C-alpha atoms as a PDB file:
ATOM      1  CA  MET A   1      86.754 113.084  -1.463  1.00  0.00           C
ATOM      2  CA  GLN A   2      84.298 110.267  -2.022  1.00  0.00           C
ATOM      3  CA  PRO A   3      80.477 110.004  -2.175  1.00  0.00           C
ATOM      4  CA  ILE A   4      78.655 108.566   0.824  1.00  0.00           C
ATOM      5  CA  ASP A   5      76.475 105.582  -0.106  1.00  0.00           C
ATOM      6  CA  GLY A   6      76.336 106.848  -3.714  1.00  0.00           C
ATOM      7  CA  GLY A   7      74.316 109.866  -2.532  1.00  0.00           C
ATOM      8  CA  PRO A   8      74.696 113.610  -2.965  1.00  0.00           C
ATOM      9  CA  VAL A   9      76.908 114.021   0.119  1.00  0.00           C
ATOM     10  CA  TRP A  10      80.649 113.643  -0.278  1.00  0.00           C
ATOM     11  CA  GLN A  11      83.070 112.725   2.430  1.00  0.00           C
ATOM     12  CA  GLY A  12      86.412 114.359   2.966  1.00  0.00           C
ATOM     13  CA  PHE A  13      88.683 114.808   5.917  1.00  0.00           C
ATOM     14  CA  TRP A  14      89.469 117.851   8.004  1.00  0.00           C
ATOM     15  CA  ASP A  15      91.752 117.584  11.013  1.00  0.00           C
ATOM     16  CA  ALA A  16      89.712 119.563  13.527  1.00  0.00           C
ATOM     17  CA  THR A  17      92.396 119.062  16.185  1.00  0.00           C
ATOM     18  CA  THR A  18      94.574 121.614  14.413  1.00  0.00           C
ATOM     19  CA  SER A  19      91.848 124.281  14.361  1.00  0.00           C
ATOM     20  CA  ALA A  20      90.616 126.642  17.057  1.00  0.00           C
ATOM     21  CA  ALA A  21      86.978 126.678  18.126  1.00  0.00           C
ATOM     22  CA  GLY A  22      84.818 128.866  15.897  1.00  0.00           C
ATOM     23  CA  ASN A  23      82.889 128.960  12.621  1.00  0.00           C
ATOM     24  CA  TYR A  24      84.423 127.688   9.378  1.00  0.00           C
ATOM     25  CA  THR A  25      83.025 127.872   5.841  1.00  0.00           C
ATOM     26  CA  ILE A  26      83.729 124.876   3.632  1.00  0.00           C
ATOM     27  CA  GLU A  27      82.926 125.374  -0.053  1.00  0.00           C
ATOM     28  CA  VAL A  28      82.396 122.416  -2.355  1.00  0.00           C
ATOM     29  CA  ARG A  29      82.101 121.957  -6.087  1.00  0.00           C
ATOM     30  CA  ALA A  30      81.245 119.128  -8.426  1.00  0.00           C
ATOM     31  CA  SER A  31      84.168 117.082  -9.696  1.00  0.00           C
ATOM     32  CA  GLY A  32      85.705 118.594 -12.820  1.00  0.00           C
ATOM     33  CA  THR A  33      84.109 122.040 -12.365  1.00  0.00           C
ATOM     34  CA  ALA A  34      85.625 125.338 -11.291  1.00  0.00           C
ATOM     35  CA  ALA A  35      82.527 126.944  -9.739  1.00  0.00           C
ATOM     36  CA  ASN A  36      81.504 126.277  -6.137  1.00  0.00           C
ATOM     37  CA  SER A  37      78.135 124.537  -6.078  1.00  0.00           C
ATOM     38  CA  ASP A  38      77.386 124.551  -2.363  1.00  0.00           C
ATOM     39  CA  LYS A  39      78.854 125.622   0.941  1.00  0.00           C
ATOM     40  CA  VAL A  40      78.523 124.709   4.572  1.00  0.00           C
ATOM     41  CA  VAL A  41      79.255 126.776   7.651  1.00  0.00           C
ATOM     42  CA  SER A  42      80.487 124.448  10.349  1.00  0.00           C
ATOM     43  CA  THR A  43      80.842 125.336  14.008  1.00  0.00           C
ATOM     44  CA  LEU A  44      83.742 123.642  15.723  1.00  0.00           C
ATOM     45  CA  ASN A  45      83.484 123.235  19.494  1.00  0.00           C
ATOM     46  CA  PRO A  46      86.125 120.768  20.735  1.00  0.00           C
ATOM     47  CA  ASP A  47      84.338 120.100  24.055  1.00  0.00           C
ATOM     48  CA  LEU A  48      81.018 118.781  22.709  1.00  0.00           C
ATOM     49  CA  SER A  49      81.458 115.039  23.163  1.00  0.00           C
ATOM     50  CA  ALA A  50      82.648 112.874  26.009  1.00  0.00           C
ATOM     51  CA  ALA A  51      85.393 111.473  23.779  1.00  0.00           C
ATOM     52  CA  ASN A  52      86.591 115.072  23.243  1.00  0.00           C
ATOM     53  CA  PHE A  53      85.926 114.907  19.505  1.00  0.00           C
ATOM     54  CA  ALA A  54      84.015 117.661  17.754  1.00  0.00           C
ATOM     55  CA  GLU A  55      81.306 116.770  15.287  1.00  0.00           C
ATOM     56  CA  ILE A  56      81.280 118.626  11.970  1.00  0.00           C
ATOM     57  CA  ILE A  57      77.743 119.808  11.323  1.00  0.00           C
ATOM     58  CA  GLY A  58      76.575 121.436   8.121  1.00  0.00           C
ATOM     59  CA  THR A  59      73.791 122.064   5.658  1.00  0.00           C
ATOM     60  CA  TRP A  60      73.710 120.744   2.148  1.00  0.00           C
ATOM     61  CA  SER A  61      71.008 120.761  -0.496  1.00  0.00           C
ATOM     62  CA  SER A  62      69.875 117.414   0.975  1.00  0.00           C
ATOM     63  CA  GLY A  63      69.459 118.631   4.587  1.00  0.00           C
ATOM     64  CA  ILE A  64      71.528 118.933   7.779  1.00  0.00           C
ATOM     65  CA  TRP A  65      74.252 116.322   8.321  1.00  0.00           C
ATOM     66  CA  TYR A  66      76.866 115.716  10.992  1.00  0.00           C
ATOM     67  CA  TYR A  67      80.144 113.842  10.826  1.00  0.00           C
ATOM     68  CA  ASP A  68      80.995 111.744  13.874  1.00  0.00           C
ATOM     69  CA  VAL A  69      84.794 111.775  13.926  1.00  0.00           C
ATOM     70  CA  ALA A  70      85.065 108.905  16.406  1.00  0.00           C
ATOM     71  CA  ALA A  71      82.840 106.628  14.276  1.00  0.00           C
ATOM     72  CA  SER A  72      84.051 108.000  10.893  1.00  0.00           C
ATOM     73  CA  LYS A  73      80.420 108.282   9.781  1.00  0.00           C
ATOM     74  CA  TRP A  74      78.047 110.918   8.319  1.00  0.00           C
ATOM     75  CA  THR A  75      74.475 110.986   9.668  1.00  0.00           C
ATOM     76  CA  LYS A  76      71.531 112.959   8.298  1.00  0.00           C
ATOM     77  CA  MET A  77      69.799 114.956  11.040  1.00  0.00           C
ATOM     78  CA  THR A  78      66.937 116.174   8.851  1.00  0.00           C
ATOM     79  CA  SER A  79      66.034 116.317   5.160  1.00  0.00           C
ATOM     80  CA  PHE A  80      64.760 119.864   5.551  1.00  0.00           C
ATOM     81  CA  ILE A  81      67.033 122.767   4.639  1.00  0.00           C
ATOM     82  CA  PRO A  82      67.158 125.706   7.057  1.00  0.00           C
ATOM     83  CA  THR A  83      66.686 129.191   5.634  1.00  0.00           C
ATOM     84  CA  GLY A  84      69.518 130.643   7.703  1.00  0.00           C
ATOM     85  CA  ASP A  85      72.491 129.841   9.902  1.00  0.00           C
ATOM     86  CA  ILE A  86      73.073 126.796  12.047  1.00  0.00           C
ATOM     87  CA  ALA A  87      75.115 126.627  15.262  1.00  0.00           C
ATOM     88  CA  ALA A  88      76.236 123.743  17.457  1.00  0.00           C
ATOM     89  CA  GLY A  89      76.580 123.590  21.210  1.00  0.00           C
ATOM     90  CA  ASN A  90      75.503 121.654  24.261  1.00  0.00           C
ATOM     91  CA  PHE A  91      72.223 123.541  24.819  1.00  0.00           C
ATOM     92  CA  THR A  92      70.577 120.873  27.004  1.00  0.00           C
ATOM     93  CA  GLY A  93      73.561 120.219  29.321  1.00  0.00           C
ATOM     94  CA  ASP A  94      73.714 116.485  28.598  1.00  0.00           C
ATOM     95  CA  GLY A  95      77.168 116.485  26.983  1.00  0.00           C
ATOM     96  CA  LYS A  96      75.786 115.814  23.475  1.00  0.00           C
ATOM     97  CA  ALA A  97      76.008 118.264  20.585  1.00  0.00           C
ATOM     98  CA  ASP A  98      72.734 120.029  19.847  1.00  0.00           C
ATOM     99  CA  VAL A  99      72.060 122.122  16.737  1.00  0.00           C
ATOM    100  CA  ALA A 100      70.242 125.449  16.528  1.00  0.00           C
ATOM    101  CA  SER A 101      68.968 126.574  13.140  1.00  0.00           C
ATOM    102  CA  CYS A 102      67.073 129.463  11.591  1.00  0.00           C
ATOM    103  CA  TRP A 103      63.929 128.551   9.653  1.00  0.00           C
ATOM    104  CA  SER A 104      61.269 130.656   7.964  1.00  0.00           C
ATOM    105  CA  ASN A 105      58.932 129.936  10.898  1.00  0.00           C
ATOM    106  CA  GLY A 106      61.397 130.674  13.716  1.00  0.00           C
ATOM    107  CA  LEU A 107      64.482 129.572  15.602  1.00  0.00           C
ATOM    108  CA  TRP A 108      64.665 125.877  16.494  1.00  0.00           C
ATOM    109  CA  TYR A 109      67.158 123.513  18.094  1.00  0.00           C
ATOM    110  CA  GLN A 110      67.554 119.766  17.811  1.00  0.00           C
ATOM    111  CA  ASP A 111      68.419 117.845  20.983  1.00  0.00           C
ATOM    112  CA  GLY A 112      71.434 115.706  20.059  1.00  0.00           C
ATOM    113  CA  ALA A 113      70.501 112.928  22.491  1.00  0.00           C
ATOM    114  CA  ILE A 114      66.910 112.299  21.388  1.00  0.00           C
ATOM    115  CA  LEU A 115      66.911 114.123  18.014  1.00  0.00           C
ATOM    116  CA  ASP A 116      63.652 115.972  18.746  1.00  0.00           C
ATOM    117  CA  TRP A 117      63.240 119.564  17.531  1.00  0.00           C
ATOM    118  CA  THR A 118      62.119 122.366  19.892  1.00  0.00           C
ATOM    119  CA  LYS A 119      60.965 125.797  18.765  1.00  0.00           C
ATOM    120  CA  VAL A 120      62.707 128.610  20.660  1.00  0.00           C
ATOM    121  CA  THR A 121      60.923 131.577  19.098  1.00  0.00           C
ATOM    122  CA  ASP A 122      58.440 132.258  16.277  1.00  0.00           C
ATOM    123  CA  THR A 123      60.733 134.849  14.706  1.00  0.00           C
ATOM    124  CA  ALA A 124      64.056 133.743  13.237  1.00  0.00           C
ATOM    125  CA  PRO A 125      67.068 135.942  13.992  1.00  0.00           C
ATOM    126  CA  ASP A 126      69.209 137.309  11.165  1.00  0.00           C
ATOM    127  CA  SER A 127      71.984 134.931  12.209  1.00  0.00           C
ATOM    128  CA  VAL A 128      72.766 132.505  15.028  1.00  0.00           C
ATOM    129  CA  THR A 129      75.880 131.330  16.849  1.00  0.00           C
ATOM    130  CA  ALA A 130      76.479 129.439  20.093  1.00  0.00           C
ATOM    131  CA  GLY A 131      78.548 130.133  23.170  1.00  0.00           C
ATOM    132  CA  ASP A 132      78.439 129.947  26.940  1.00  0.00           C
ATOM    133  CA  VAL A 133      77.748 133.604  27.767  1.00  0.00           C
ATOM    134  CA  THR A 134      76.329 132.846  31.242  1.00  0.00           C
ATOM    135  CA  TRP A 135      79.311 130.758  32.419  1.00  0.00           C
ATOM    136  CA  LYS A 136      80.602 131.867  35.796  1.00  0.00           C
END
């Protein structure tokens, strides 16, 4: 593990190719401590990008970040911290990973291609996940 640009986000490696699609909880702790200080729930969907790499997307105390496996780089999506779950999927049909998240003022998703946020509903659900339930 190593800090990214001296900031509060640390980088580690997880071989997503050995894991099935689904939700994974990654717990982190400060170096030299025994207590977990933060956790991230990451949704792994191996078919999100054209290069067939999944992005690891999670929330930290500094906002929502994603890890681009192909570029070996962390990118901050927003500095705001959602009040509930996040989920990743290709909601817009453009082949890019989008992120849905629960906030105190509703359910929103961020378009992965243009990074704009769209409000889905004024009421946030208790939890959120993503899947293709209308696939035929």
